[in-house]
Amino acid sequence: MMAELNRCETLTRFCEAAAWSVDLQTVYKNIVDSGVDILNCDGAHLHLLTADGGYFVCHASHSDTQFIDKWKGVLPTSVGRLRWMIHSRRPILMDYERPNITDQTPPEALAFGYQSAVS
């Protein structure tokens, strides 16, 4: 019962963070800020899938308590296990110190000092 309550509270917090605003940057900031808080992690990035499904485009980042909305990183969905993630709708766990043979560690992640990630 407690686990379900926590999941509902977490979902509510995330939905509230994603609530519509006239300013999309505010929505993006709220989403990445809440992601860091909910997941208790060092950083979060918001990538939106292009209409053709070929690329993830980074629209916002939260790293070291700093919000970044100018960086527009683009990641092809054909890289590593991303295509599997899209079709299975399951997360990918990445260990940058012992990477999966099909994963490509983003240079930005290493520059930020990240050791792992979840997509």
C-alpha atoms as a PDB file:
ATOM      1  CA  MET A   1       0.000   0.000   0.000  1.00  0.00           C
ATOM      2  CA  MET A   2       2.803   2.420   0.918  1.00  0.00           C
ATOM      3  CA  ALA A   3       4.659   1.719  -2.357  1.00  0.00           C
ATOM      4  CA  GLU A   4       1.505   2.495  -4.361  1.00  0.00           C
ATOM      5  CA  LEU A   5       0.993   5.716  -2.419  1.00  0.00           C
ATOM      6  CA  ASN A   6       4.584   6.759  -3.128  1.00  0.00           C
ATOM      7  CA  ARG A   7       4.149   5.985  -6.846  1.00  0.00           C
ATOM      8  CA  CYS A   8       0.968   8.079  -6.946  1.00  0.00           C
ATOM      9  CA  GLU A   9       2.684  10.977  -5.173  1.00  0.00           C
ATOM     10  CA  THR A  10       5.644  10.772  -7.566  1.00  0.00           C
ATOM     11  CA  LEU A  11       3.362  10.653 -10.607  1.00  0.00           C
ATOM     12  CA  THR A  12       1.380  13.603  -9.266  1.00  0.00           C
ATOM     13  CA  ARG A  13       4.572  15.621  -8.733  1.00  0.00           C
ATOM     14  CA  PHE A  14       5.774  14.880 -12.244  1.00  0.00           C
ATOM     15  CA  CYS A  15       2.383  15.720 -13.799  1.00  0.00           C
ATOM     16  CA  GLU A  16       2.267  18.985 -11.879  1.00  0.00           C
ATOM     17  CA  ALA A  17       5.765  19.812 -13.135  1.00  0.00           C
ATOM     18  CA  ALA A  18       4.645  19.156 -16.710  1.00  0.00           C
ATOM     19  CA  ALA A  19       1.510  21.319 -16.358  1.00  0.00           C
ATOM     20  CA  TRP A  20       1.022  23.600 -19.307  1.00  0.00           C
ATOM     21  CA  SER A  21       2.447  27.096 -19.207  1.00  0.00           C
ATOM     22  CA  VAL A  22       2.556  29.784 -21.846  1.00  0.00           C
ATOM     23  CA  ASP A  23       6.346  29.606 -21.632  1.00  0.00           C
ATOM     24  CA  LEU A  24       7.659  26.230 -22.822  1.00  0.00           C
ATOM     25  CA  GLN A  25      11.051  26.843 -21.194  1.00  0.00           C
ATOM     26  CA  THR A  26       9.266  27.024 -17.827  1.00  0.00           C
ATOM     27  CA  VAL A  27       7.596  23.681 -18.515  1.00  0.00           C
ATOM     28  CA  TYR A  28      10.909  22.136 -19.587  1.00  0.00           C
ATOM     29  CA  LYS A  29      12.682  23.526 -16.503  1.00  0.00           C
ATOM     30  CA  ASN A  30       9.977  22.184 -14.189  1.00  0.00           C
ATOM     31  CA  ILE A  31      10.200  18.741 -15.797  1.00  0.00           C
ATOM     32  CA  VAL A  32      13.998  18.391 -15.507  1.00  0.00           C
ATOM     33  CA  ASP A  33      14.079  19.924 -12.027  1.00  0.00           C
ATOM     34  CA  SER A  34      11.417  17.512 -10.781  1.00  0.00           C
ATOM     35  CA  GLY A  35      13.200  14.595 -12.499  1.00  0.00           C
ATOM     36  CA  VAL A  36      16.380  15.321 -10.553  1.00  0.00           C
ATOM     37  CA  ASP A  37      14.411  15.673  -7.330  1.00  0.00           C
ATOM     38  CA  ILE A  38      12.205  12.587  -7.799  1.00  0.00           C
ATOM     39  CA  LEU A  39      15.034  10.317  -8.970  1.00  0.00           C
ATOM     40  CA  ASN A  40      17.552  11.782  -6.515  1.00  0.00           C
ATOM     41  CA  CYS A  41      20.176  11.999  -9.250  1.00  0.00           C
ATOM     42  CA  ASP A  42      22.836  14.460 -10.388  1.00  0.00           C
ATOM     43  CA  GLY A  43      21.217  15.494 -13.619  1.00  0.00           C
ATOM     44  CA  ALA A  44      18.295  15.099 -15.977  1.00  0.00           C
ATOM     45  CA  HIS A  45      17.794  15.888 -19.634  1.00  0.00           C
ATOM     46  CA  LEU A  46      14.567  16.319 -21.552  1.00  0.00           C
ATOM     47  CA  HIS A  47      14.725  14.891 -25.070  1.00  0.00           C
ATOM     48  CA  LEU A  48      11.777  15.094 -27.418  1.00  0.00           C
ATOM     49  CA  LEU A  49      11.368  12.566 -30.217  1.00  0.00           C
ATOM     50  CA  THR A  50      11.111  14.053 -33.710  1.00  0.00           C
ATOM     51  CA  ALA A  51       7.903  13.409 -35.654  1.00  0.00           C
ATOM     52  CA  ASP A  52       9.652  10.908 -37.935  1.00  0.00           C
ATOM     53  CA  GLY A  53      11.039   9.010 -34.917  1.00  0.00           C
ATOM     54  CA  GLY A  54      14.614   9.388 -36.163  1.00  0.00           C
ATOM     55  CA  TYR A  55      16.119  11.652 -33.515  1.00  0.00           C
ATOM     56  CA  PHE A  56      15.933  12.701 -29.891  1.00  0.00           C
ATOM     57  CA  VAL A  57      16.464  16.456 -29.577  1.00  0.00           C
ATOM     58  CA  CYS A  58      17.604  17.741 -26.190  1.00  0.00           C
ATOM     59  CA  HIS A  59      15.519  20.704 -25.116  1.00  0.00           C
ATOM     60  CA  ALA A  60      16.568  21.103 -21.500  1.00  0.00           C
ATOM     61  CA  SER A  61      19.114  19.903 -18.968  1.00  0.00           C
ATOM     62  CA  HIS A  62      19.559  20.128 -15.232  1.00  0.00           C
ATOM     63  CA  SER A  63      23.090  19.502 -14.032  1.00  0.00           C
ATOM     64  CA  ASP A  64      24.788  20.592 -10.823  1.00  0.00           C
ATOM     65  CA  THR A  65      21.700  22.643  -9.866  1.00  0.00           C
ATOM     66  CA  GLN A  66      21.961  24.614 -13.104  1.00  0.00           C
ATOM     67  CA  PHE A  67      19.216  24.713 -15.721  1.00  0.00           C
ATOM     68  CA  ILE A  68      20.419  24.795 -19.315  1.00  0.00           C
ATOM     69  CA  ASP A  69      18.019  25.441 -22.165  1.00  0.00           C
ATOM     70  CA  LYS A  70      20.434  26.589 -24.876  1.00  0.00           C
ATOM     71  CA  TRP A  71      22.122  23.252 -25.556  1.00  0.00           C
ATOM     72  CA  LYS A  72      20.312  21.458 -28.359  1.00  0.00           C
ATOM     73  CA  GLY A  73      22.007  18.085 -28.526  1.00  0.00           C
ATOM     74  CA  VAL A  74      20.674  15.694 -31.145  1.00  0.00           C
ATOM     75  CA  LEU A  75      20.884  11.917 -30.765  1.00  0.00           C
ATOM     76  CA  PRO A  76      19.895   9.515 -33.570  1.00  0.00           C
ATOM     77  CA  THR A  77      17.464   6.840 -32.385  1.00  0.00           C
ATOM     78  CA  SER A  78      19.525   4.272 -34.275  1.00  0.00           C
ATOM     79  CA  VAL A  79      22.396   4.615 -31.763  1.00  0.00           C
ATOM     80  CA  GLY A  80      22.920   1.733 -29.346  1.00  0.00           C
ATOM     81  CA  ARG A  81      19.768   0.419 -27.667  1.00  0.00           C
ATOM     82  CA  LEU A  82      17.570   3.476 -28.277  1.00  0.00           C
ATOM     83  CA  ARG A  83      15.479   1.854 -31.032  1.00  0.00           C
ATOM     84  CA  TRP A  84      14.749  -1.070 -28.646  1.00  0.00           C
ATOM     85  CA  MET A  85      13.740   1.425 -25.939  1.00  0.00           C
ATOM     86  CA  ILE A  86      11.268   3.145 -28.269  1.00  0.00           C
ATOM     87  CA  HIS A  87       9.632  -0.129 -29.341  1.00  0.00           C
ATOM     88  CA  SER A  88       9.612  -1.833 -25.952  1.00  0.00           C
ATOM     89  CA  ARG A  89       8.749   1.322 -23.954  1.00  0.00           C
ATOM     90  CA  ARG A  90      11.143   0.090 -21.275  1.00  0.00           C
ATOM     91  CA  PRO A  91      14.010   2.087 -19.772  1.00  0.00           C
ATOM     92  CA  ILE A  92      17.653   1.557 -20.602  1.00  0.00           C
ATOM     93  CA  LEU A  93      20.153   1.460 -17.743  1.00  0.00           C
ATOM     94  CA  MET A  94      23.619   2.606 -18.790  1.00  0.00           C
ATOM     95  CA  ASP A  95      26.847   2.121 -16.837  1.00  0.00           C
ATOM     96  CA  TYR A  96      29.447   4.498 -18.271  1.00  0.00           C
ATOM     97  CA  GLU A  97      32.290   2.745 -16.444  1.00  0.00           C
ATOM     98  CA  ARG A  98      31.324  -0.671 -17.883  1.00  0.00           C
ATOM     99  CA  PRO A  99      29.246   0.210 -20.959  1.00  0.00           C
ATOM    100  CA  ASN A 100      27.106  -2.175 -22.951  1.00  0.00           C
ATOM    101  CA  ILE A 101      28.917  -3.006 -26.203  1.00  0.00           C
ATOM    102  CA  THR A 102      26.169  -1.275 -28.246  1.00  0.00           C
ATOM    103  CA  ASP A 103      26.029   1.923 -26.165  1.00  0.00           C
ATOM    104  CA  GLN A 104      27.844   5.105 -27.049  1.00  0.00           C
ATOM    105  CA  THR A 105      28.652   7.232 -24.017  1.00  0.00           C
ATOM    106  CA  PRO A 106      27.903  10.898 -24.742  1.00  0.00           C
ATOM    107  CA  PRO A 107      31.045  13.045 -24.285  1.00  0.00           C
ATOM    108  CA  GLU A 108      28.900  15.564 -22.375  1.00  0.00           C
ATOM    109  CA  ALA A 109      28.036  12.899 -19.785  1.00  0.00           C
ATOM    110  CA  LEU A 110      31.711  12.218 -19.143  1.00  0.00           C
ATOM    111  CA  ALA A 111      32.435  15.956 -18.991  1.00  0.00           C
ATOM    112  CA  PHE A 112      29.766  16.317 -16.287  1.00  0.00           C
ATOM    113  CA  GLY A 113      31.356  13.390 -14.421  1.00  0.00           C
ATOM    114  CA  TYR A 114      28.345  11.086 -14.753  1.00  0.00           C
ATOM    115  CA  GLN A 115      28.948   7.401 -14.062  1.00  0.00           C
ATOM    116  CA  SER A 116      25.562   6.083 -15.139  1.00  0.00           C
ATOM    117  CA  ALA A 117      22.263   7.058 -16.713  1.00  0.00           C
ATOM    118  CA  VAL A 118      18.732   5.875 -17.310  1.00  0.00           C
ATOM    119  CA  SER A 119      16.862   6.623 -20.527  1.00  0.00           C
END
